[in-house]
Amino acid sequence: MSTNDELSGISAVTVFTNDMARAVRFYETLGFAIRYGGPDARFTSFHVGSGFLNLMEGTVPGHLWGRVIIHVADVDAMHRRATEAGLTPEDAPRDAPWGERFFHIRDPDGNELSFAKPLK
């Protein structure tokens, strides 16, 4: 396996939404902070650590692309935050054999998010 020292990290991931206001409410409910845009914009960017999660208005035919994995300080607290806000995670937090605690949730457009924390 080779490495490329010129590749230093991912700056942003962009997902599509067909209802920006609804998507912005979802992400704000989970604690994401808007950097640019908002409910009435065609493009919105949220801070996520040193990078960004972007929403772009539009749809993608077939809409199968994967998931965004976001590290958090406390996976169980994030799961509680989501469920207490009336959101529906796909599963309860659990420990994975690859060394992370995680759970999955889909945004209103079906984009999958995984909130995770490396296990010690």
PDB file of N, CA and C in Angstrom:
ATOM      1  N   MET A   1       0.843  -1.178   0.000  1.00  0.00           N
ATOM      2  CA  MET A   1       0.000   0.000   0.000  1.00  0.00           C
ATOM      3  C   MET A   1       0.888   1.240   0.000  1.00  0.00           C
ATOM      4  N   SER A   2       0.674   2.117  -0.936  1.00  0.00           N
ATOM      5  CA  SER A   2       1.477   3.334  -0.988  1.00  0.00           C
ATOM      6  C   SER A   2       0.716   4.489  -0.336  1.00  0.00           C
ATOM      7  N   THR A   3       1.448   5.490   0.081  1.00  0.00           N
ATOM      8  CA  THR A   3       0.839   6.682   0.654  1.00  0.00           C
ATOM      9  C   THR A   3       1.220   7.877  -0.201  1.00  0.00           C
ATOM     10  N   ASN A   4       0.461   8.908  -0.087  1.00  0.00           N
ATOM     11  CA  ASN A   4       0.730  10.133  -0.820  1.00  0.00           C
ATOM     12  C   ASN A   4       0.798  11.262   0.191  1.00  0.00           C
ATOM     13  N   ASP A   5       2.007  11.762   0.467  1.00  0.00           N
ATOM     14  CA  ASP A   5       2.188  12.807   1.457  1.00  0.00           C
ATOM     15  C   ASP A   5       1.496  14.104   1.073  1.00  0.00           C
ATOM     16  N   GLU A   6       1.135  14.246  -0.195  1.00  0.00           N
ATOM     17  CA  GLU A   6       0.435  15.448  -0.629  1.00  0.00           C
ATOM     18  C   GLU A   6      -1.026  15.440  -0.204  1.00  0.00           C
ATOM     19  N   LEU A   7      -1.572  14.265   0.134  1.00  0.00           N
ATOM     20  CA  LEU A   7      -2.966  14.163   0.581  1.00  0.00           C
ATOM     21  C   LEU A   7      -2.967  14.282   2.100  1.00  0.00           C
ATOM     22  N   SER A   8      -3.397  15.427   2.604  1.00  0.00           N
ATOM     23  CA  SER A   8      -3.272  15.679   4.037  1.00  0.00           C
ATOM     24  C   SER A   8      -4.577  15.640   4.803  1.00  0.00           C
ATOM     25  N   GLY A   9      -5.710  15.519   4.136  1.00  0.00           N
ATOM     26  CA  GLY A   9      -6.972  15.451   4.856  1.00  0.00           C
ATOM     27  C   GLY A   9      -8.123  15.821   3.959  1.00  0.00           C
ATOM     28  N   ILE A  10      -9.330  15.600   4.467  1.00  0.00           N
ATOM     29  CA  ILE A  10     -10.536  15.966   3.732  1.00  0.00           C
ATOM     30  C   ILE A  10     -11.035  17.286   4.283  1.00  0.00           C
ATOM     31  N   SER A  11     -11.187  18.256   3.423  1.00  0.00           N
ATOM     32  CA  SER A  11     -11.657  19.576   3.826  1.00  0.00           C
ATOM     33  C   SER A  11     -13.166  19.593   4.016  1.00  0.00           C
ATOM     34  N   ALA A  12     -13.889  18.924   3.103  1.00  0.00           N
ATOM     35  CA  ALA A  12     -15.345  18.966   3.173  1.00  0.00           C
ATOM     36  C   ALA A  12     -15.949  17.779   2.437  1.00  0.00           C
ATOM     37  N   VAL A  13     -17.161  17.444   2.844  1.00  0.00           N
ATOM     38  CA  VAL A  13     -17.996  16.475   2.150  1.00  0.00           C
ATOM     39  C   VAL A  13     -19.293  17.203   1.833  1.00  0.00           C
ATOM     40  N   THR A  14     -19.796  17.048   0.607  1.00  0.00           N
ATOM     41  CA  THR A  14     -21.043  17.692   0.198  1.00  0.00           C
ATOM     42  C   THR A  14     -22.088  16.629  -0.097  1.00  0.00           C
ATOM     43  N   VAL A  15     -23.269  16.795   0.497  1.00  0.00           N
ATOM     44  CA  VAL A  15     -24.405  15.912   0.233  1.00  0.00           C
ATOM     45  C   VAL A  15     -25.550  16.756  -0.321  1.00  0.00           C
ATOM     46  N   PHE A  16     -26.491  16.097  -0.974  1.00  0.00           N
ATOM     47  CA  PHE A  16     -27.593  16.806  -1.614  1.00  0.00           C
ATOM     48  C   PHE A  16     -28.849  16.770  -0.762  1.00  0.00           C
ATOM     49  N   THR A  17     -29.649  17.814  -0.899  1.00  0.00           N
ATOM     50  CA  THR A  17     -30.947  17.890  -0.240  1.00  0.00           C
ATOM     51  C   THR A  17     -31.966  18.467  -1.209  1.00  0.00           C
ATOM     52  N   ASN A  18     -33.202  17.991  -1.111  1.00  0.00           N
ATOM     53  CA  ASN A  18     -34.254  18.593  -1.926  1.00  0.00           C
ATOM     54  C   ASN A  18     -35.129  19.526  -1.097  1.00  0.00           C
ATOM     55  N   ASP A  19     -34.754  19.738   0.178  1.00  0.00           N
ATOM     56  CA  ASP A  19     -35.462  20.686   1.056  1.00  0.00           C
ATOM     57  C   ASP A  19     -34.446  21.269   2.034  1.00  0.00           C
ATOM     58  N   MET A  20     -33.832  22.388   1.639  1.00  0.00           N
ATOM     59  CA  MET A  20     -32.754  22.975   2.438  1.00  0.00           C
ATOM     60  C   MET A  20     -33.207  23.325   3.847  1.00  0.00           C
ATOM     61  N   ALA A  21     -34.361  23.926   4.009  1.00  0.00           N
ATOM     62  CA  ALA A  21     -34.824  24.334   5.349  1.00  0.00           C
ATOM     63  C   ALA A  21     -34.949  23.117   6.265  1.00  0.00           C
ATOM     64  N   ARG A  22     -35.537  22.048   5.762  1.00  0.00           N
ATOM     65  CA  ARG A  22     -35.699  20.821   6.554  1.00  0.00           C
ATOM     66  C   ARG A  22     -34.343  20.234   6.917  1.00  0.00           C
ATOM     67  N   ALA A  23     -33.415  20.193   5.961  1.00  0.00           N
ATOM     68  CA  ALA A  23     -32.086  19.635   6.209  1.00  0.00           C
ATOM     69  C   ALA A  23     -31.316  20.488   7.222  1.00  0.00           C
ATOM     70  N   VAL A  24     -31.396  21.804   7.097  1.00  0.00           N
ATOM     71  CA  VAL A  24     -30.707  22.693   8.037  1.00  0.00           C
ATOM     72  C   VAL A  24     -31.240  22.468   9.449  1.00  0.00           C
ATOM     73  N   ARG A  25     -32.555  22.350   9.616  1.00  0.00           N
ATOM     74  CA  ARG A  25     -33.134  22.077  10.948  1.00  0.00           C
ATOM     75  C   ARG A  25     -32.580  20.780  11.518  1.00  0.00           C
ATOM     76  N   PHE A  26     -32.500  19.737  10.696  1.00  0.00           N
ATOM     77  CA  PHE A  26     -31.982  18.441  11.134  1.00  0.00           C
ATOM     78  C   PHE A  26     -30.557  18.578  11.659  1.00  0.00           C
ATOM     79  N   TYR A  27     -29.680  19.181  10.873  1.00  0.00           N
ATOM     80  CA  TYR A  27     -28.275  19.290  11.273  1.00  0.00           C
ATOM     81  C   TYR A  27     -28.100  20.220  12.476  1.00  0.00           C
ATOM     82  N   GLU A  28     -28.856  21.302  12.545  1.00  0.00           N
ATOM     83  CA  GLU A  28     -28.775  22.177  13.719  1.00  0.00           C
ATOM     84  C   GLU A  28     -29.261  21.451  14.966  1.00  0.00           C
ATOM     85  N   THR A  29     -30.263  20.595  14.840  1.00  0.00           N
ATOM     86  CA  THR A  29     -30.754  19.809  15.971  1.00  0.00           C
ATOM     87  C   THR A  29     -29.650  18.932  16.544  1.00  0.00           C
ATOM     88  N   LEU A  30     -28.768  18.428  15.675  1.00  0.00           N
ATOM     89  CA  LEU A  30     -27.652  17.594  16.117  1.00  0.00           C
ATOM     90  C   LEU A  30     -26.454  18.414  16.591  1.00  0.00           C
ATOM     91  N   GLY A  31     -26.547  19.744  16.550  1.00  0.00           N
ATOM     92  CA  GLY A  31     -25.478  20.596  17.077  1.00  0.00           C
ATOM     93  C   GLY A  31     -24.512  21.147  16.057  1.00  0.00           C
ATOM     94  N   PHE A  32     -24.773  20.956  14.771  1.00  0.00           N
ATOM     95  CA  PHE A  32     -23.903  21.506  13.738  1.00  0.00           C
ATOM     96  C   PHE A  32     -24.071  23.020  13.682  1.00  0.00           C
ATOM     97  N   ALA A  33     -22.974  23.746  13.521  1.00  0.00           N
ATOM     98  CA  ALA A  33     -22.993  25.211  13.445  1.00  0.00           C
ATOM     99  C   ALA A  33     -22.827  25.664  11.997  1.00  0.00           C
ATOM    100  N   ILE A  34     -23.736  26.529  11.546  1.00  0.00           N
ATOM    101  CA  ILE A  34     -23.672  27.033  10.171  1.00  0.00           C
ATOM    102  C   ILE A  34     -22.486  27.970  10.003  1.00  0.00           C
ATOM    103  N   ARG A  35     -21.725  27.743   8.960  1.00  0.00           N
ATOM    104  CA  ARG A  35     -20.611  28.618   8.582  1.00  0.00           C
ATOM    105  C   ARG A  35     -21.035  29.557   7.457  1.00  0.00           C
ATOM    106  N   TYR A  36     -21.905  29.047   6.566  1.00  0.00           N
ATOM    107  CA  TYR A  36     -22.320  29.807   5.393  1.00  0.00           C
ATOM    108  C   TYR A  36     -23.676  29.277   4.956  1.00  0.00           C
ATOM    109  N   GLY A  37     -24.524  30.143   4.458  1.00  0.00           N
ATOM    110  CA  GLY A  37     -25.819  29.724   3.934  1.00  0.00           C
ATOM    111  C   GLY A  37     -26.885  29.723   5.005  1.00  0.00           C
ATOM    112  N   GLY A  38     -27.823  28.791   4.904  1.00  0.00           N
ATOM    113  CA  GLY A  38     -28.913  28.682   5.856  1.00  0.00           C
ATOM    114  C   GLY A  38     -30.158  28.128   5.192  1.00  0.00           C
ATOM    115  N   PRO A  39     -31.301  28.186   5.885  1.00  0.00           N
ATOM    116  CA  PRO A  39     -32.529  27.558   5.398  1.00  0.00           C
ATOM    117  C   PRO A  39     -32.998  28.034   4.028  1.00  0.00           C
ATOM    118  N   ASP A  40     -32.706  29.270   3.662  1.00  0.00           N
ATOM    119  CA  ASP A  40     -33.176  29.817   2.392  1.00  0.00           C
ATOM    120  C   ASP A  40     -32.115  29.787   1.288  1.00  0.00           C
ATOM    121  N   ALA A  41     -30.950  29.232   1.584  1.00  0.00           N
ATOM    122  CA  ALA A  41     -29.844  29.200   0.609  1.00  0.00           C
ATOM    123  C   ALA A  41     -29.916  27.950  -0.271  1.00  0.00           C
ATOM    124  N   ARG A  42     -29.193  27.985  -1.377  1.00  0.00           N
ATOM    125  CA  ARG A  42     -29.074  26.791  -2.233  1.00  0.00           C
ATOM    126  C   ARG A  42     -27.844  25.957  -1.836  1.00  0.00           C
ATOM    127  N   PHE A  43     -26.971  26.535  -0.983  1.00  0.00           N
ATOM    128  CA  PHE A  43     -25.763  25.864  -0.511  1.00  0.00           C
ATOM    129  C   PHE A  43     -25.538  26.289   0.936  1.00  0.00           C
ATOM    130  N   THR A  44     -25.320  25.322   1.814  1.00  0.00           N
ATOM    131  CA  THR A  44     -25.070  25.599   3.226  1.00  0.00           C
ATOM    132  C   THR A  44     -23.866  24.794   3.676  1.00  0.00           C
ATOM    133  N   SER A  45     -23.026  25.404   4.496  1.00  0.00           N
ATOM    134  CA  SER A  45     -21.826  24.751   4.997  1.00  0.00           C
ATOM    135  C   SER A  45     -21.824  24.791   6.521  1.00  0.00           C
ATOM    136  N   PHE A  46     -21.546  23.645   7.142  1.00  0.00           N
ATOM    137  CA  PHE A  46     -21.465  23.521   8.602  1.00  0.00           C
ATOM    138  C   PHE A  46     -20.038  23.193   9.003  1.00  0.00           C
ATOM    139  N   HIS A  47     -19.570  23.754  10.130  1.00  0.00           N
ATOM    140  CA  HIS A  47     -18.279  23.360  10.702  1.00  0.00           C
ATOM    141  C   HIS A  47     -18.379  21.954  11.260  1.00  0.00           C
ATOM    142  N   VAL A  48     -17.369  21.134  11.008  1.00  0.00           N
ATOM    143  CA  VAL A  48     -17.237  19.813  11.610  1.00  0.00           C
ATOM    144  C   VAL A  48     -15.762  19.651  11.915  1.00  0.00           C
ATOM    145  N   GLY A  49     -15.369  19.916  13.150  1.00  0.00           N
ATOM    146  CA  GLY A  49     -13.953  19.864  13.503  1.00  0.00           C
ATOM    147  C   GLY A  49     -13.180  20.861  12.665  1.00  0.00           C
ATOM    148  N   SER A  50     -12.152  20.396  11.957  1.00  0.00           N
ATOM    149  CA  SER A  50     -11.373  21.296  11.110  1.00  0.00           C
ATOM    150  C   SER A  50     -11.897  21.325   9.676  1.00  0.00           C
ATOM    151  N   GLY A  51     -12.966  20.597   9.409  1.00  0.00           N
ATOM    152  CA  GLY A  51     -13.522  20.538   8.063  1.00  0.00           C
ATOM    153  C   GLY A  51     -14.961  21.004   8.015  1.00  0.00           C
ATOM    154  N   PHE A  52     -15.641  20.619   6.942  1.00  0.00           N
ATOM    155  CA  PHE A  52     -17.000  21.086   6.710  1.00  0.00           C
ATOM    156  C   PHE A  52     -17.875  19.977   6.153  1.00  0.00           C
ATOM    157  N   LEU A  53     -19.149  20.022   6.503  1.00  0.00           N
ATOM    158  CA  LEU A  53     -20.179  19.223   5.867  1.00  0.00           C
ATOM    159  C   LEU A  53     -21.063  20.208   5.130  1.00  0.00           C
ATOM    160  N   ASN A  54     -21.182  20.023   3.826  1.00  0.00           N
ATOM    161  CA  ASN A  54     -21.949  20.948   2.990  1.00  0.00           C
ATOM    162  C   ASN A  54     -23.243  20.311   2.520  1.00  0.00           C
ATOM    163  N   LEU A  55     -24.272  21.140   2.391  1.00  0.00           N
ATOM    164  CA  LEU A  55     -25.538  20.743   1.786  1.00  0.00           C
ATOM    165  C   LEU A  55     -25.693  21.512   0.492  1.00  0.00           C
ATOM    166  N   MET A  56     -26.067  20.816  -0.573  1.00  0.00           N
ATOM    167  CA  MET A  56     -26.314  21.460  -1.859  1.00  0.00           C
ATOM    168  C   MET A  56     -27.728  21.096  -2.291  1.00  0.00           C
ATOM    169  N   GLU A  57     -28.477  22.089  -2.707  1.00  0.00           N
ATOM    170  CA  GLU A  57     -29.833  21.841  -3.143  1.00  0.00           C
ATOM    171  C   GLU A  57     -29.835  21.070  -4.456  1.00  0.00           C
ATOM    172  N   GLY A  58     -30.608  20.007  -4.528  1.00  0.00           N
ATOM    173  CA  GLY A  58     -30.705  19.194  -5.731  1.00  0.00           C
ATOM    174  C   GLY A  58     -30.856  17.738  -5.373  1.00  0.00           C
ATOM    175  N   THR A  59     -30.990  16.892  -6.360  1.00  0.00           N
ATOM    176  CA  THR A  59     -31.110  15.456  -6.140  1.00  0.00           C
ATOM    177  C   THR A  59     -30.137  14.720  -7.051  1.00  0.00           C
ATOM    178  N   VAL A  60     -29.785  13.527  -6.627  1.00  0.00           N
ATOM    179  CA  VAL A  60     -28.888  12.685  -7.406  1.00  0.00           C
ATOM    180  C   VAL A  60     -29.659  11.413  -7.762  1.00  0.00           C
ATOM    181  N   PRO A  61     -29.825  11.094  -9.038  1.00  0.00           N
ATOM    182  CA  PRO A  61     -30.523   9.863  -9.417  1.00  0.00           C
ATOM    183  C   PRO A  61     -29.829   8.645  -8.821  1.00  0.00           C
ATOM    184  N   GLY A  62     -30.615   7.742  -8.274  1.00  0.00           N
ATOM    185  CA  GLY A  62     -30.037   6.543  -7.676  1.00  0.00           C
ATOM    186  C   GLY A  62     -29.601   6.752  -6.244  1.00  0.00           C
ATOM    187  N   HIS A  63     -29.154   7.900  -5.904  1.00  0.00           N
ATOM    188  CA  HIS A  63     -28.789   8.362  -4.559  1.00  0.00           C
ATOM    189  C   HIS A  63     -28.143   7.300  -3.663  1.00  0.00           C
ATOM    190  N   LEU A  64     -27.259   6.506  -4.192  1.00  0.00           N
ATOM    191  CA  LEU A  64     -26.485   5.589  -3.373  1.00  0.00           C
ATOM    192  C   LEU A  64     -25.034   6.048  -3.402  1.00  0.00           C
ATOM    193  N   TRP A  65     -24.505   6.428  -2.274  1.00  0.00           N
ATOM    194  CA  TRP A  65     -23.146   6.962  -2.286  1.00  0.00           C
ATOM    195  C   TRP A  65     -22.316   6.517  -1.098  1.00  0.00           C
ATOM    196  N   GLY A  66     -22.855   6.173   0.030  1.00  0.00           N
ATOM    197  CA  GLY A  66     -22.060   5.768   1.180  1.00  0.00           C
ATOM    198  C   GLY A  66     -22.485   6.486   2.433  1.00  0.00           C
ATOM    199  N   ARG A  67     -21.513   6.871   3.254  1.00  0.00           N
ATOM    200  CA  ARG A  67     -21.842   7.555   4.503  1.00  0.00           C
ATOM    201  C   ARG A  67     -20.730   8.515   4.894  1.00  0.00           C
ATOM    202  N   VAL A  68     -21.088   9.474   5.727  1.00  0.00           N
ATOM    203  CA  VAL A  68     -20.127  10.398   6.329  1.00  0.00           C
ATOM    204  C   VAL A  68     -19.925   9.937   7.767  1.00  0.00           C
ATOM    205  N   ILE A  69     -18.682   9.749   8.181  1.00  0.00           N
ATOM    206  CA  ILE A  69     -18.369   9.349   9.552  1.00  0.00           C
ATOM    207  C   ILE A  69     -17.828  10.568  10.281  1.00  0.00           C
ATOM    208  N   ILE A  70     -18.480  10.904  11.395  1.00  0.00           N
ATOM    209  CA  ILE A  70     -18.132  12.099  12.162  1.00  0.00           C
ATOM    210  C   ILE A  70     -17.722  11.661  13.560  1.00  0.00           C
ATOM    211  N   HIS A  71     -16.509  12.004  13.967  1.00  0.00           N
ATOM    212  CA  HIS A  71     -16.066  11.688  15.321  1.00  0.00           C
ATOM    213  C   HIS A  71     -16.646  12.693  16.308  1.00  0.00           C
ATOM    214  N   VAL A  72     -17.122  12.172  17.432  1.00  0.00           N
ATOM    215  CA  VAL A  72     -17.689  12.986  18.502  1.00  0.00           C
ATOM    216  C   VAL A  72     -17.045  12.581  19.822  1.00  0.00           C
ATOM    217  N   ALA A  73     -17.163  13.441  20.819  1.00  0.00           N
ATOM    218  CA  ALA A  73     -16.577  13.166  22.128  1.00  0.00           C
ATOM    219  C   ALA A  73     -17.328  12.051  22.850  1.00  0.00           C
ATOM    220  N   ASP A  74     -18.648  11.976  22.666  1.00  0.00           N
ATOM    221  CA  ASP A  74     -19.467  11.008  23.394  1.00  0.00           C
ATOM    222  C   ASP A  74     -20.579  10.498  22.475  1.00  0.00           C
ATOM    223  N   VAL A  75     -20.417   9.292  21.973  1.00  0.00           N
ATOM    224  CA  VAL A  75     -21.381   8.703  21.039  1.00  0.00           C
ATOM    225  C   VAL A  75     -22.748   8.536  21.691  1.00  0.00           C
ATOM    226  N   ASP A  76     -22.765   8.066  22.933  1.00  0.00           N
ATOM    227  CA  ASP A  76     -24.041   7.842  23.614  1.00  0.00           C
ATOM    228  C   ASP A  76     -24.784   9.152  23.858  1.00  0.00           C
ATOM    229  N   ALA A  77     -24.057  10.212  24.194  1.00  0.00           N
ATOM    230  CA  ALA A  77     -24.691  11.520  24.390  1.00  0.00           C
ATOM    231  C   ALA A  77     -25.269  12.037  23.068  1.00  0.00           C
ATOM    232  N   MET A  78     -24.572  11.829  21.959  1.00  0.00           N
ATOM    233  CA  MET A  78     -25.089  12.257  20.659  1.00  0.00           C
ATOM    234  C   MET A  78     -26.348  11.457  20.300  1.00  0.00           C
ATOM    235  N   HIS A  79     -26.350  10.171  20.603  1.00  0.00           N
ATOM    236  CA  HIS A  79     -27.522   9.333  20.351  1.00  0.00           C
ATOM    237  C   HIS A  79     -28.708   9.845  21.182  1.00  0.00           C
ATOM    238  N   ARG A  80     -28.476  10.137  22.461  1.00  0.00           N
ATOM    239  CA  ARG A  80     -29.549  10.691  23.324  1.00  0.00           C
ATOM    240  C   ARG A  80     -30.051  12.016  22.762  1.00  0.00           C
ATOM    241  N   ARG A  81     -29.138  12.873  22.347  1.00  0.00           N
ATOM    242  CA  ARG A  81     -29.533  14.168  21.783  1.00  0.00           C
ATOM    243  C   ARG A  81     -30.471  13.960  20.591  1.00  0.00           C
ATOM    244  N   ALA A  82     -30.115  13.038  19.715  1.00  0.00           N
ATOM    245  CA  ALA A  82     -30.931  12.775  18.533  1.00  0.00           C
ATOM    246  C   ALA A  82     -32.307  12.241  18.926  1.00  0.00           C
ATOM    247  N   THR A  83     -32.340  11.231  19.783  1.00  0.00           N
ATOM    248  CA  THR A  83     -33.633  10.625  20.133  1.00  0.00           C
ATOM    249  C   THR A  83     -34.501  11.577  20.949  1.00  0.00           C
ATOM    250  N   GLU A  84     -33.902  12.350  21.849  1.00  0.00           N
ATOM    251  CA  GLU A  84     -34.679  13.315  22.640  1.00  0.00           C
ATOM    252  C   GLU A  84     -35.254  14.420  21.773  1.00  0.00           C
ATOM    253  N   ALA A  85     -34.633  14.675  20.625  1.00  0.00           N
ATOM    254  CA  ALA A  85     -35.140  15.680  19.694  1.00  0.00           C
ATOM    255  C   ALA A  85     -36.169  15.082  18.727  1.00  0.00           C
ATOM    256  N   GLY A  86     -36.489  13.795  18.900  1.00  0.00           N
ATOM    257  CA  GLY A  86     -37.478  13.155  18.045  1.00  0.00           C
ATOM    258  C   GLY A  86     -36.921  12.564  16.766  1.00  0.00           C
ATOM    259  N   LEU A  87     -35.601  12.532  16.621  1.00  0.00           N
ATOM    260  CA  LEU A  87     -34.977  11.918  15.453  1.00  0.00           C
ATOM    261  C   LEU A  87     -34.880  10.410  15.675  1.00  0.00           C
ATOM    262  N   THR A  88     -34.707   9.654  14.614  1.00  0.00           N
ATOM    263  CA  THR A  88     -34.722   8.198  14.708  1.00  0.00           C
ATOM    264  C   THR A  88     -33.426   7.591  14.185  1.00  0.00           C
ATOM    265  N   PRO A  89     -32.450   7.355  15.063  1.00  0.00           N
ATOM    266  CA  PRO A  89     -31.244   6.643  14.626  1.00  0.00           C
ATOM    267  C   PRO A  89     -31.602   5.240  14.138  1.00  0.00           C
ATOM    268  N   GLU A  90     -30.776   4.700  13.262  1.00  0.00           N
ATOM    269  CA  GLU A  90     -31.027   3.366  12.725  1.00  0.00           C
ATOM    270  C   GLU A  90     -30.743   2.271  13.732  1.00  0.00           C
ATOM    271  N   ASP A  91     -29.941   2.574  14.740  1.00  0.00           N
ATOM    272  CA  ASP A  91     -29.574   1.572  15.727  1.00  0.00           C
ATOM    273  C   ASP A  91     -29.082   2.253  16.996  1.00  0.00           C
ATOM    274  N   ALA A  92     -28.902   1.466  18.046  1.00  0.00           N
ATOM    275  CA  ALA A  92     -28.337   1.965  19.300  1.00  0.00           C
ATOM    276  C   ALA A  92     -26.812   2.002  19.171  1.00  0.00           C
ATOM    277  N   PRO A  93     -26.146   2.836  19.968  1.00  0.00           N
ATOM    278  CA  PRO A  93     -24.680   2.843  19.937  1.00  0.00           C
ATOM    279  C   PRO A  93     -24.126   1.456  20.270  1.00  0.00           C
ATOM    280  N   ARG A  94     -23.052   1.088  19.569  1.00  0.00           N
ATOM    281  CA  ARG A  94     -22.419  -0.205  19.844  1.00  0.00           C
ATOM    282  C   ARG A  94     -20.931  -0.125  19.526  1.00  0.00           C
ATOM    283  N   ASP A  95     -20.190  -1.060  20.097  1.00  0.00           N
ATOM    284  CA  ASP A  95     -18.753  -1.158  19.854  1.00  0.00           C
ATOM    285  C   ASP A  95     -18.520  -2.060  18.647  1.00  0.00           C
ATOM    286  N   ALA A  96     -17.662  -1.598  17.744  1.00  0.00           N
ATOM    287  CA  ALA A  96     -17.371  -2.338  16.517  1.00  0.00           C
ATOM    288  C   ALA A  96     -16.038  -3.067  16.641  1.00  0.00           C
ATOM    289  N   PRO A  97     -15.877  -4.182  15.938  1.00  0.00           N
ATOM    290  CA  PRO A  97     -14.612  -4.918  16.005  1.00  0.00           C
ATOM    291  C   PRO A  97     -13.431  -4.138  15.443  1.00  0.00           C
ATOM    292  N   TRP A  98     -13.672  -3.087  14.650  1.00  0.00           N
ATOM    293  CA  TRP A  98     -12.566  -2.286  14.105  1.00  0.00           C
ATOM    294  C   TRP A  98     -12.121  -1.189  15.057  1.00  0.00           C
ATOM    295  N   GLY A  99     -12.735  -1.137  16.276  1.00  0.00           N
ATOM    296  CA  GLY A  99     -12.223  -0.250  17.310  1.00  0.00           C
ATOM    297  C   GLY A  99     -12.906   1.091  17.450  1.00  0.00           C
ATOM    298  N   GLU A 100     -14.180   1.161  17.112  1.00  0.00           N
ATOM    299  CA  GLU A 100     -14.946   2.398  17.306  1.00  0.00           C
ATOM    300  C   GLU A 100     -16.278   2.074  17.962  1.00  0.00           C
ATOM    301  N   ARG A 101     -16.789   3.024  18.731  1.00  0.00           N
ATOM    302  CA  ARG A 101     -18.184   2.990  19.192  1.00  0.00           C
ATOM    303  C   ARG A 101     -18.928   3.898  18.225  1.00  0.00           C
ATOM    304  N   PHE A 102     -20.120   3.483  17.758  1.00  0.00           N
ATOM    305  CA  PHE A 102     -20.786   4.253  16.712  1.00  0.00           C
ATOM    306  C   PHE A 102     -22.285   3.976  16.686  1.00  0.00           C
ATOM    307  N   PHE A 103     -22.996   4.840  15.964  1.00  0.00           N
ATOM    308  CA  PHE A 103     -24.367   4.569  15.531  1.00  0.00           C
ATOM    309  C   PHE A 103     -24.600   5.324  14.228  1.00  0.00           C
ATOM    310  N   HIS A 104     -25.627   4.881  13.488  1.00  0.00           N
ATOM    311  CA  HIS A 104     -25.972   5.496  12.207  1.00  0.00           C
ATOM    312  C   HIS A 104     -27.323   6.202  12.310  1.00  0.00           C
ATOM    313  N   ILE A 105     -27.448   7.277  11.533  1.00  0.00           N
ATOM    314  CA  ILE A 105     -28.717   7.990  11.395  1.00  0.00           C
ATOM    315  C   ILE A 105     -28.747   8.555   9.973  1.00  0.00           C
ATOM    316  N   ARG A 106     -29.927   8.654   9.411  1.00  0.00           N
ATOM    317  CA  ARG A 106     -30.069   9.251   8.074  1.00  0.00           C
ATOM    318  C   ARG A 106     -30.693  10.626   8.202  1.00  0.00           C
ATOM    319  N   ASP A 107     -30.195  11.555   7.381  1.00  0.00           N
ATOM    320  CA  ASP A 107     -30.809  12.879   7.358  1.00  0.00           C
ATOM    321  C   ASP A 107     -32.120  12.785   6.577  1.00  0.00           C
ATOM    322  N   PRO A 108     -32.897  13.857   6.526  1.00  0.00           N
ATOM    323  CA  PRO A 108     -34.206  13.779   5.861  1.00  0.00           C
ATOM    324  C   PRO A 108     -34.149  13.394   4.380  1.00  0.00           C
ATOM    325  N   ASP A 109     -32.977  13.517   3.739  1.00  0.00           N
ATOM    326  CA  ASP A 109     -32.837  13.150   2.338  1.00  0.00           C
ATOM    327  C   ASP A 109     -32.249  11.758   2.139  1.00  0.00           C
ATOM    328  N   GLY A 110     -32.030  11.033   3.238  1.00  0.00           N
ATOM    329  CA  GLY A 110     -31.500   9.676   3.146  1.00  0.00           C
ATOM    330  C   GLY A 110     -29.994   9.574   3.192  1.00  0.00           C
ATOM    331  N   ASN A 111     -29.284  10.695   3.361  1.00  0.00           N
ATOM    332  CA  ASN A 111     -27.823  10.652   3.477  1.00  0.00           C
ATOM    333  C   ASN A 111     -27.472  10.041   4.834  1.00  0.00           C
ATOM    334  N   GLU A 112     -26.604   9.040   4.834  1.00  0.00           N
ATOM    335  CA  GLU A 112     -26.267   8.344   6.078  1.00  0.00           C
ATOM    336  C   GLU A 112     -25.096   9.004   6.792  1.00  0.00           C
ATOM    337  N   LEU A 113     -25.296   9.244   8.089  1.00  0.00           N
ATOM    338  CA  LEU A 113     -24.251   9.762   8.959  1.00  0.00           C
ATOM    339  C   LEU A 113     -23.915   8.676   9.979  1.00  0.00           C
ATOM    340  N   SER A 114     -22.658   8.546  10.312  1.00  0.00           N
ATOM    341  CA  SER A 114     -22.225   7.676  11.379  1.00  0.00           C
ATOM    342  C   SER A 114     -21.503   8.542  12.397  1.00  0.00           C
ATOM    343  N   PHE A 115     -21.989   8.545  13.627  1.00  0.00           N
ATOM    344  CA  PHE A 115     -21.312   9.266  14.695  1.00  0.00           C
ATOM    345  C   PHE A 115     -20.484   8.222  15.447  1.00  0.00           C
ATOM    346  N   ALA A 116     -19.186   8.489  15.599  1.00  0.00           N
ATOM    347  CA  ALA A 116     -18.264   7.480  16.121  1.00  0.00           C
ATOM    348  C   ALA A 116     -17.205   8.095  17.024  1.00  0.00           C
ATOM    349  N   LYS A 117     -16.618   7.217  17.829  1.00  0.00           N
ATOM    350  CA  LYS A 117     -15.464   7.592  18.662  1.00  0.00           C
ATOM    351  C   LYS A 117     -14.554   6.378  18.749  1.00  0.00           C
ATOM    352  N   PRO A 118     -13.251   6.563  18.495  1.00  0.00           N
ATOM    353  CA  PRO A 118     -12.333   5.440  18.638  1.00  0.00           C
ATOM    354  C   PRO A 118     -12.347   4.906  20.074  1.00  0.00           C
ATOM    355  N   LEU A 119     -12.307   3.593  20.213  1.00  0.00           N
ATOM    356  CA  LEU A 119     -12.233   2.964  21.521  1.00  0.00           C
ATOM    357  C   LEU A 119     -10.796   3.003  22.004  1.00  0.00           C
ATOM    358  N   LYS A 120     -10.622   3.062  23.292  1.00  0.00           N
ATOM    359  CA  LYS A 120      -9.266   3.087  23.861  1.00  0.00           C
ATOM    360  C   LYS A 120      -8.745   1.685  24.024  1.00  0.00           C
TER     361      LYS A 120
END
